[in-house]
Amino acid sequence: MSNTQTSGESTAIIDERVSVAIVDDHDAIRLGFKAACEEYGFDLLASAPSVDALFLALGDVVPQVVVLDLSLSDGSLVEDNVTRVRELGSQILIFSIADKRNLIRAAIKAGAAAIVPKAQSMDELASAIRLVANGIYVNNTQTTAAIDSDLEFKEAKLSPREREVLTLYASGLALKQVAFSLNIKMNTAKEHIDRVRSKYADIGRPVSSKTELLLRAIEDGLIDESSI
């Protein structure tokens, strides 16, 4: 699991060469980012107006961090873009005006490691890139506001028993072990997990595997990530 760190702690990361790419449909942004890479010692592997163009430009090369705009003129969805680039093996840093919370939430849910508004300085952007390259998910006011503004993102309204079953099951126990621990029937434990899946699906946070159940339990504070 990745660590979590506030952007103010970026000085803890020692300067190092980081390979990056940028996807933004504004030429000026891409040119400005190229200059920033030269200034901050980043290796710019590709610069493209879309994720499709990025893949063509990269070939077989995989950057550590891809800087991605929330909205692109090709009409692509940010969650699809984040997912595709994550599957490539890169971390995602969203660099955008960041004024649309629904898009920010979609990016975070798809796996973006940081949100940096374009109003912030290049120093702050460079610090965030280094953090993300080191596997650190950056908490800042944008990500916090996007999550806290939508209680359904954090709260699936699980019953106390559903929380107990989810916590034990997501922690690694088999349903039979969960049932034994809670002194309930295995069918009852399964029914609780089925309801948990249904409730997460109802609020747009579907789960299709036990790993995703673990992620939901971590997101909702039922399991401490550091204990895994």
C-alpha atoms as a PDB file:
ATOM      1  CA  MET A   1       0.000   0.000   0.000  1.00  0.00           C
ATOM      2  CA  SER A   2       1.135   3.539  -0.632  1.00  0.00           C
ATOM      3  CA  ASN A   3       1.938   5.947   2.118  1.00  0.00           C
ATOM      4  CA  THR A   4      -0.040   9.145   2.626  1.00  0.00           C
ATOM      5  CA  GLN A   5       1.590  12.506   3.214  1.00  0.00           C
ATOM      6  CA  THR A   6       0.549  16.135   3.140  1.00  0.00           C
ATOM      7  CA  SER A   7       2.020  18.315   0.429  1.00  0.00           C
ATOM      8  CA  GLY A   8       3.681  20.471   3.097  1.00  0.00           C
ATOM      9  CA  GLU A   9       6.019  17.600   3.933  1.00  0.00           C
ATOM     10  CA  SER A  10       7.510  17.466   0.452  1.00  0.00           C
ATOM     11  CA  THR A  11      10.874  18.718   1.663  1.00  0.00           C
ATOM     12  CA  ALA A  12      11.417  15.281   3.167  1.00  0.00           C
ATOM     13  CA  ILE A  13      11.922  13.897  -0.343  1.00  0.00           C
ATOM     14  CA  ILE A  14      15.466  14.255  -1.601  1.00  0.00           C
ATOM     15  CA  ASP A  15      15.833  15.719  -5.082  1.00  0.00           C
ATOM     16  CA  GLU A  16      16.215  12.982  -7.646  1.00  0.00           C
ATOM     17  CA  ARG A  17      15.703  12.340 -11.331  1.00  0.00           C
ATOM     18  CA  VAL A  18      12.087  11.504 -11.997  1.00  0.00           C
ATOM     19  CA  SER A  19      10.703  10.394 -15.365  1.00  0.00           C
ATOM     20  CA  VAL A  20       7.470  12.159 -16.255  1.00  0.00           C
ATOM     21  CA  ALA A  21       4.964  12.724 -19.050  1.00  0.00           C
ATOM     22  CA  ILE A  22       2.141  15.213 -19.460  1.00  0.00           C
ATOM     23  CA  VAL A  23      -1.305  14.986 -21.040  1.00  0.00           C
ATOM     24  CA  ASP A  24      -2.907  18.385 -21.601  1.00  0.00           C
ATOM     25  CA  ASP A  25      -4.724  19.749 -24.638  1.00  0.00           C
ATOM     26  CA  HIS A  26      -3.290  23.257 -24.229  1.00  0.00           C
ATOM     27  CA  ASP A  27       0.009  23.831 -26.042  1.00  0.00           C
ATOM     28  CA  ALA A  28       1.035  26.568 -23.609  1.00  0.00           C
ATOM     29  CA  ILE A  29       0.676  24.264 -20.604  1.00  0.00           C
ATOM     30  CA  ARG A  30       2.746  21.553 -22.254  1.00  0.00           C
ATOM     31  CA  LEU A  31       5.456  24.031 -23.266  1.00  0.00           C
ATOM     32  CA  GLY A  32       5.527  25.504 -19.757  1.00  0.00           C
ATOM     33  CA  PHE A  33       5.791  22.037 -18.253  1.00  0.00           C
ATOM     34  CA  LYS A  34       8.677  21.180 -20.564  1.00  0.00           C
ATOM     35  CA  ALA A  35      10.566  24.223 -19.303  1.00  0.00           C
ATOM     36  CA  ALA A  36       9.758  23.284 -15.701  1.00  0.00           C
ATOM     37  CA  CYS A  37      11.147  19.782 -16.269  1.00  0.00           C
ATOM     38  CA  GLU A  38      14.435  21.261 -17.400  1.00  0.00           C
ATOM     39  CA  GLU A  39      14.522  23.549 -14.358  1.00  0.00           C
ATOM     40  CA  TYR A  40      13.674  20.869 -11.785  1.00  0.00           C
ATOM     41  CA  GLY A  41      15.644  18.013 -13.295  1.00  0.00           C
ATOM     42  CA  PHE A  42      12.780  15.810 -14.484  1.00  0.00           C
ATOM     43  CA  ASP A  43      13.131  13.550 -17.506  1.00  0.00           C
ATOM     44  CA  LEU A  44      10.220  14.416 -19.801  1.00  0.00           C
ATOM     45  CA  LEU A  45       9.455  11.260 -21.782  1.00  0.00           C
ATOM     46  CA  ALA A  46       6.348  12.444 -23.630  1.00  0.00           C
ATOM     47  CA  SER A  47       4.009  15.405 -24.030  1.00  0.00           C
ATOM     48  CA  ALA A  48       0.602  14.829 -25.595  1.00  0.00           C
ATOM     49  CA  PRO A  49      -2.907  16.326 -25.939  1.00  0.00           C
ATOM     50  CA  SER A  50      -4.682  13.032 -25.161  1.00  0.00           C
ATOM     51  CA  VAL A  51      -4.069   9.671 -23.537  1.00  0.00           C
ATOM     52  CA  ASP A  52      -4.231   7.970 -26.935  1.00  0.00           C
ATOM     53  CA  ALA A  53      -1.502  10.305 -28.197  1.00  0.00           C
ATOM     54  CA  LEU A  54       0.488   9.713 -25.020  1.00  0.00           C
ATOM     55  CA  PHE A  55       0.550   5.966 -25.582  1.00  0.00           C
ATOM     56  CA  LEU A  56       1.752   6.465 -29.150  1.00  0.00           C
ATOM     57  CA  ALA A  57       4.477   8.867 -28.008  1.00  0.00           C
ATOM     58  CA  LEU A  58       5.703   6.619 -25.197  1.00  0.00           C
ATOM     59  CA  GLY A  59       5.994   3.367 -27.090  1.00  0.00           C
ATOM     60  CA  ASP A  60       7.398   0.844 -24.614  1.00  0.00           C
ATOM     61  CA  VAL A  61       8.651   3.480 -22.153  1.00  0.00           C
ATOM     62  CA  VAL A  62       6.821   3.912 -18.832  1.00  0.00           C
ATOM     63  CA  PRO A  63       7.197   7.198 -16.903  1.00  0.00           C
ATOM     64  CA  GLN A  64       7.081   7.204 -13.126  1.00  0.00           C
ATOM     65  CA  VAL A  65       4.513   9.999 -13.070  1.00  0.00           C
ATOM     66  CA  VAL A  66       1.989  11.174 -15.651  1.00  0.00           C
ATOM     67  CA  VAL A  67       0.657  14.700 -15.168  1.00  0.00           C
ATOM     68  CA  LEU A  68      -2.936  14.706 -16.434  1.00  0.00           C
ATOM     69  CA  ASP A  69      -5.596  17.362 -16.960  1.00  0.00           C
ATOM     70  CA  LEU A  70      -9.098  16.629 -15.665  1.00  0.00           C
ATOM     71  CA  SER A  71     -10.930  17.596 -18.855  1.00  0.00           C
ATOM     72  CA  LEU A  72      -9.576  16.975 -22.349  1.00  0.00           C
ATOM     73  CA  SER A  73     -11.024  18.196 -25.634  1.00  0.00           C
ATOM     74  CA  ASP A  74     -11.286  14.666 -27.040  1.00  0.00           C
ATOM     75  CA  GLY A  75     -14.255  14.044 -24.746  1.00  0.00           C
ATOM     76  CA  SER A  76     -12.585  11.251 -22.792  1.00  0.00           C
ATOM     77  CA  LEU A  77     -13.632  10.583 -19.200  1.00  0.00           C
ATOM     78  CA  VAL A  78     -11.097  11.327 -16.482  1.00  0.00           C
ATOM     79  CA  GLU A  79     -11.772   8.024 -14.716  1.00  0.00           C
ATOM     80  CA  ASP A  80     -11.045   6.143 -17.938  1.00  0.00           C
ATOM     81  CA  ASN A  81      -7.882   8.146 -18.529  1.00  0.00           C
ATOM     82  CA  VAL A  82      -6.626   7.555 -14.993  1.00  0.00           C
ATOM     83  CA  THR A  83      -7.386   3.836 -15.204  1.00  0.00           C
ATOM     84  CA  ARG A  84      -5.608   3.426 -18.549  1.00  0.00           C
ATOM     85  CA  VAL A  85      -2.480   5.231 -17.387  1.00  0.00           C
ATOM     86  CA  ARG A  86      -2.442   3.377 -14.054  1.00  0.00           C
ATOM     87  CA  GLU A  87      -2.575   0.096 -15.991  1.00  0.00           C
ATOM     88  CA  LEU A  88       0.483   1.307 -17.868  1.00  0.00           C
ATOM     89  CA  GLY A  89       2.309   1.339 -14.522  1.00  0.00           C
ATOM     90  CA  SER A  90       2.570   5.077 -13.898  1.00  0.00           C
ATOM     91  CA  GLN A  91       1.355   7.140 -10.977  1.00  0.00           C
ATOM     92  CA  ILE A  92      -1.122   9.910 -11.794  1.00  0.00           C
ATOM     93  CA  LEU A  93      -0.953  13.540 -10.739  1.00  0.00           C
ATOM     94  CA  ILE A  94      -3.936  15.638 -11.781  1.00  0.00           C
ATOM     95  CA  PHE A  95      -2.858  19.146 -12.819  1.00  0.00           C
ATOM     96  CA  SER A  96      -5.969  21.169 -13.521  1.00  0.00           C
ATOM     97  CA  ILE A  97      -8.039  24.229 -12.707  1.00  0.00           C
ATOM     98  CA  ALA A  98      -9.683  21.762 -10.294  1.00  0.00           C
ATOM     99  CA  ASP A  99     -13.021  23.545 -10.122  1.00  0.00           C
ATOM    100  CA  LYS A 100     -15.231  20.518 -10.773  1.00  0.00           C
ATOM    101  CA  ARG A 101     -15.531  18.385  -7.665  1.00  0.00           C
ATOM    102  CA  ASN A 102     -17.313  15.555  -9.442  1.00  0.00           C
ATOM    103  CA  LEU A 103     -14.343  15.162 -11.791  1.00  0.00           C
ATOM    104  CA  ILE A 104     -11.896  15.390  -8.890  1.00  0.00           C
ATOM    105  CA  ARG A 105     -13.795  12.663  -7.041  1.00  0.00           C
ATOM    106  CA  ALA A 106     -13.816  10.508 -10.174  1.00  0.00           C
ATOM    107  CA  ALA A 107     -10.056  10.930 -10.572  1.00  0.00           C
ATOM    108  CA  ILE A 108      -9.384  10.090  -6.918  1.00  0.00           C
ATOM    109  CA  LYS A 109     -11.635   7.038  -7.022  1.00  0.00           C
ATOM    110  CA  ALA A 110      -9.893   5.812 -10.187  1.00  0.00           C
ATOM    111  CA  GLY A 111      -6.494   6.004  -8.476  1.00  0.00           C
ATOM    112  CA  ALA A 112      -5.025   9.478  -8.944  1.00  0.00           C
ATOM    113  CA  ALA A 113      -2.336  10.085  -6.330  1.00  0.00           C
ATOM    114  CA  ALA A 114      -2.563  13.871  -6.156  1.00  0.00           C
ATOM    115  CA  ILE A 115      -4.539  16.908  -7.281  1.00  0.00           C
ATOM    116  CA  VAL A 116      -2.540  20.081  -7.956  1.00  0.00           C
ATOM    117  CA  PRO A 117      -4.449  23.184  -9.133  1.00  0.00           C
ATOM    118  CA  LYS A 118      -2.868  25.134 -11.982  1.00  0.00           C
ATOM    119  CA  ALA A 119      -3.002  28.187  -9.732  1.00  0.00           C
ATOM    120  CA  GLN A 120      -0.237  26.720  -7.569  1.00  0.00           C
ATOM    121  CA  SER A 121       3.413  27.440  -8.189  1.00  0.00           C
ATOM    122  CA  MET A 122       5.803  25.259 -10.175  1.00  0.00           C
ATOM    123  CA  ASP A 123       7.703  24.645  -6.930  1.00  0.00           C
ATOM    124  CA  GLU A 124       4.563  23.087  -5.449  1.00  0.00           C
ATOM    125  CA  LEU A 125       3.926  21.056  -8.590  1.00  0.00           C
ATOM    126  CA  ALA A 126       7.514  19.773  -8.627  1.00  0.00           C
ATOM    127  CA  SER A 127       7.313  18.826  -4.938  1.00  0.00           C
ATOM    128  CA  ALA A 128       4.094  16.918  -5.539  1.00  0.00           C
ATOM    129  CA  ILE A 129       5.619  15.085  -8.508  1.00  0.00           C
ATOM    130  CA  ARG A 130       8.530  13.908  -6.368  1.00  0.00           C
ATOM    131  CA  LEU A 131       6.179  12.741  -3.637  1.00  0.00           C
ATOM    132  CA  VAL A 132       4.020  10.818  -6.075  1.00  0.00           C
ATOM    133  CA  ALA A 133       7.093   9.288  -7.736  1.00  0.00           C
ATOM    134  CA  ASN A 134       8.064   7.961  -4.310  1.00  0.00           C
ATOM    135  CA  GLY A 135       4.717   6.212  -3.914  1.00  0.00           C
ATOM    136  CA  ILE A 136       3.177   8.821  -1.633  1.00  0.00           C
ATOM    137  CA  TYR A 137      -0.447   9.819  -2.057  1.00  0.00           C
ATOM    138  CA  VAL A 138      -0.671  13.561  -1.499  1.00  0.00           C
ATOM    139  CA  ASN A 139      -3.438  14.945   0.693  1.00  0.00           C
ATOM    140  CA  ASN A 140      -4.179  18.587  -0.007  1.00  0.00           C
ATOM    141  CA  THR A 141      -7.159  20.912   0.299  1.00  0.00           C
ATOM    142  CA  GLN A 142      -8.435  19.890  -3.120  1.00  0.00           C
ATOM    143  CA  THR A 143      -8.562  16.154  -2.410  1.00  0.00           C
ATOM    144  CA  THR A 144      -9.908  16.671   1.114  1.00  0.00           C
ATOM    145  CA  ALA A 145     -12.624  19.062  -0.053  1.00  0.00           C
ATOM    146  CA  ALA A 146     -13.632  16.753  -2.884  1.00  0.00           C
ATOM    147  CA  ILE A 147     -14.105  13.824  -0.516  1.00  0.00           C
ATOM    148  CA  ASP A 148     -15.595  15.693   2.423  1.00  0.00           C
ATOM    149  CA  SER A 149     -18.072  17.555   0.206  1.00  0.00           C
ATOM    150  CA  ASP A 150     -19.719  14.258  -0.671  1.00  0.00           C
ATOM    151  CA  LEU A 151     -20.565  12.222   2.411  1.00  0.00           C
ATOM    152  CA  GLU A 152     -21.679   9.302   0.271  1.00  0.00           C
ATOM    153  CA  PHE A 153     -18.122   8.963  -0.998  1.00  0.00           C
ATOM    154  CA  LYS A 154     -17.015   8.153   2.541  1.00  0.00           C
ATOM    155  CA  GLU A 155     -20.096   6.611   4.105  1.00  0.00           C
ATOM    156  CA  ALA A 156     -21.921   3.589   2.739  1.00  0.00           C
ATOM    157  CA  LYS A 157     -24.298   3.653   5.741  1.00  0.00           C
ATOM    158  CA  LEU A 158     -23.379   0.144   6.842  1.00  0.00           C
ATOM    159  CA  SER A 159     -25.014  -1.314   9.928  1.00  0.00           C
ATOM    160  CA  PRO A 160     -22.787  -2.111  12.931  1.00  0.00           C
ATOM    161  CA  ARG A 161     -22.943  -5.837  12.097  1.00  0.00           C
ATOM    162  CA  GLU A 162     -22.136  -5.194   8.426  1.00  0.00           C
ATOM    163  CA  ARG A 163     -19.109  -3.191   9.525  1.00  0.00           C
ATOM    164  CA  GLU A 164     -17.956  -6.045  11.757  1.00  0.00           C
ATOM    165  CA  VAL A 165     -18.335  -8.627   9.012  1.00  0.00           C
ATOM    166  CA  LEU A 166     -16.657  -6.410   6.419  1.00  0.00           C
ATOM    167  CA  THR A 167     -13.728  -5.638   8.728  1.00  0.00           C
ATOM    168  CA  LEU A 168     -13.030  -9.288   9.496  1.00  0.00           C
ATOM    169  CA  TYR A 169     -13.598 -10.522   5.945  1.00  0.00           C
ATOM    170  CA  ALA A 170     -11.572  -7.751   4.278  1.00  0.00           C
ATOM    171  CA  SER A 171      -8.756  -8.316   6.788  1.00  0.00           C
ATOM    172  CA  GLY A 172      -8.227 -11.801   5.370  1.00  0.00           C
ATOM    173  CA  LEU A 173     -10.573 -14.172   7.152  1.00  0.00           C
ATOM    174  CA  ALA A 174     -12.691 -16.624   5.180  1.00  0.00           C
ATOM    175  CA  LEU A 175     -16.475 -16.336   5.559  1.00  0.00           C
ATOM    176  CA  LYS A 176     -16.475 -19.475   7.710  1.00  0.00           C
ATOM    177  CA  GLN A 177     -13.924 -17.883  10.060  1.00  0.00           C
ATOM    178  CA  VAL A 178     -15.906 -14.632  10.142  1.00  0.00           C
ATOM    179  CA  ALA A 179     -19.054 -16.544  11.076  1.00  0.00           C
ATOM    180  CA  PHE A 180     -17.231 -18.435  13.830  1.00  0.00           C
ATOM    181  CA  SER A 181     -15.687 -15.227  15.236  1.00  0.00           C
ATOM    182  CA  LEU A 182     -19.081 -13.505  15.409  1.00  0.00           C
ATOM    183  CA  ASN A 183     -21.024 -16.637  16.445  1.00  0.00           C
ATOM    184  CA  ILE A 184     -23.317 -16.434  13.421  1.00  0.00           C
ATOM    185  CA  LYS A 185     -24.120 -18.828  10.565  1.00  0.00           C
ATOM    186  CA  MET A 186     -21.934 -18.720   7.458  1.00  0.00           C
ATOM    187  CA  ASN A 187     -24.983 -17.998   5.305  1.00  0.00           C
ATOM    188  CA  THR A 188     -25.707 -15.013   7.530  1.00  0.00           C
ATOM    189  CA  ALA A 189     -22.154 -13.741   7.108  1.00  0.00           C
ATOM    190  CA  LYS A 190     -22.488 -14.099   3.335  1.00  0.00           C
ATOM    191  CA  GLU A 191     -25.772 -12.178   3.389  1.00  0.00           C
ATOM    192  CA  HIS A 192     -24.038  -9.339   5.240  1.00  0.00           C
ATOM    193  CA  ILE A 193     -21.240  -9.209   2.654  1.00  0.00           C
ATOM    194  CA  ASP A 194     -23.787  -9.249  -0.160  1.00  0.00           C
ATOM    195  CA  ARG A 195     -25.586  -6.290   1.428  1.00  0.00           C
ATOM    196  CA  VAL A 196     -22.265  -4.473   1.860  1.00  0.00           C
ATOM    197  CA  ARG A 197     -21.510  -4.947  -1.839  1.00  0.00           C
ATOM    198  CA  SER A 198     -24.983  -3.721  -2.746  1.00  0.00           C
ATOM    199  CA  LYS A 199     -24.712  -0.600  -0.582  1.00  0.00           C
ATOM    200  CA  TYR A 200     -21.345   0.351  -2.069  1.00  0.00           C
ATOM    201  CA  ALA A 201     -22.702  -0.198  -5.575  1.00  0.00           C
ATOM    202  CA  ASP A 202     -25.702   2.018  -4.803  1.00  0.00           C
ATOM    203  CA  ILE A 203     -23.445   4.996  -4.035  1.00  0.00           C
ATOM    204  CA  GLY A 204     -21.180   4.535  -7.032  1.00  0.00           C
ATOM    205  CA  ARG A 205     -18.353   2.697  -5.281  1.00  0.00           C
ATOM    206  CA  PRO A 206     -18.836  -0.852  -6.583  1.00  0.00           C
ATOM    207  CA  VAL A 207     -16.712  -3.782  -5.433  1.00  0.00           C
ATOM    208  CA  SER A 208     -16.054  -6.852  -7.543  1.00  0.00           C
ATOM    209  CA  SER A 209     -13.383  -8.574  -5.445  1.00  0.00           C
ATOM    210  CA  LYS A 210     -12.185  -9.093  -1.889  1.00  0.00           C
ATOM    211  CA  THR A 211      -9.287  -6.718  -2.580  1.00  0.00           C
ATOM    212  CA  GLU A 212     -11.731  -3.952  -3.458  1.00  0.00           C
ATOM    213  CA  LEU A 213     -13.661  -4.657  -0.265  1.00  0.00           C
ATOM    214  CA  LEU A 214     -10.398  -4.120   1.597  1.00  0.00           C
ATOM    215  CA  LEU A 215      -9.894  -0.794  -0.184  1.00  0.00           C
ATOM    216  CA  ARG A 216     -13.397   0.342   0.775  1.00  0.00           C
ATOM    217  CA  ALA A 217     -12.809  -0.648   4.390  1.00  0.00           C
ATOM    218  CA  ILE A 218      -9.577   1.389   4.403  1.00  0.00           C
ATOM    219  CA  GLU A 219     -11.265   4.378   2.726  1.00  0.00           C
ATOM    220  CA  ASP A 220     -14.033   4.351   5.318  1.00  0.00           C
ATOM    221  CA  GLY A 221     -11.661   4.060   8.264  1.00  0.00           C
ATOM    222  CA  LEU A 222     -12.675   0.522   9.275  1.00  0.00           C
ATOM    223  CA  ILE A 223      -9.152  -0.824   8.767  1.00  0.00           C
ATOM    224  CA  ASP A 224      -5.902   1.010   9.412  1.00  0.00           C
ATOM    225  CA  GLU A 225      -3.785   0.859   6.256  1.00  0.00           C
ATOM    226  CA  SER A 226      -0.556   0.798   8.299  1.00  0.00           C
ATOM    227  CA  SER A 227      -1.645  -2.428  10.034  1.00  0.00           C
ATOM    228  CA  ILE A 228      -1.862  -4.414   6.790  1.00  0.00           C
END
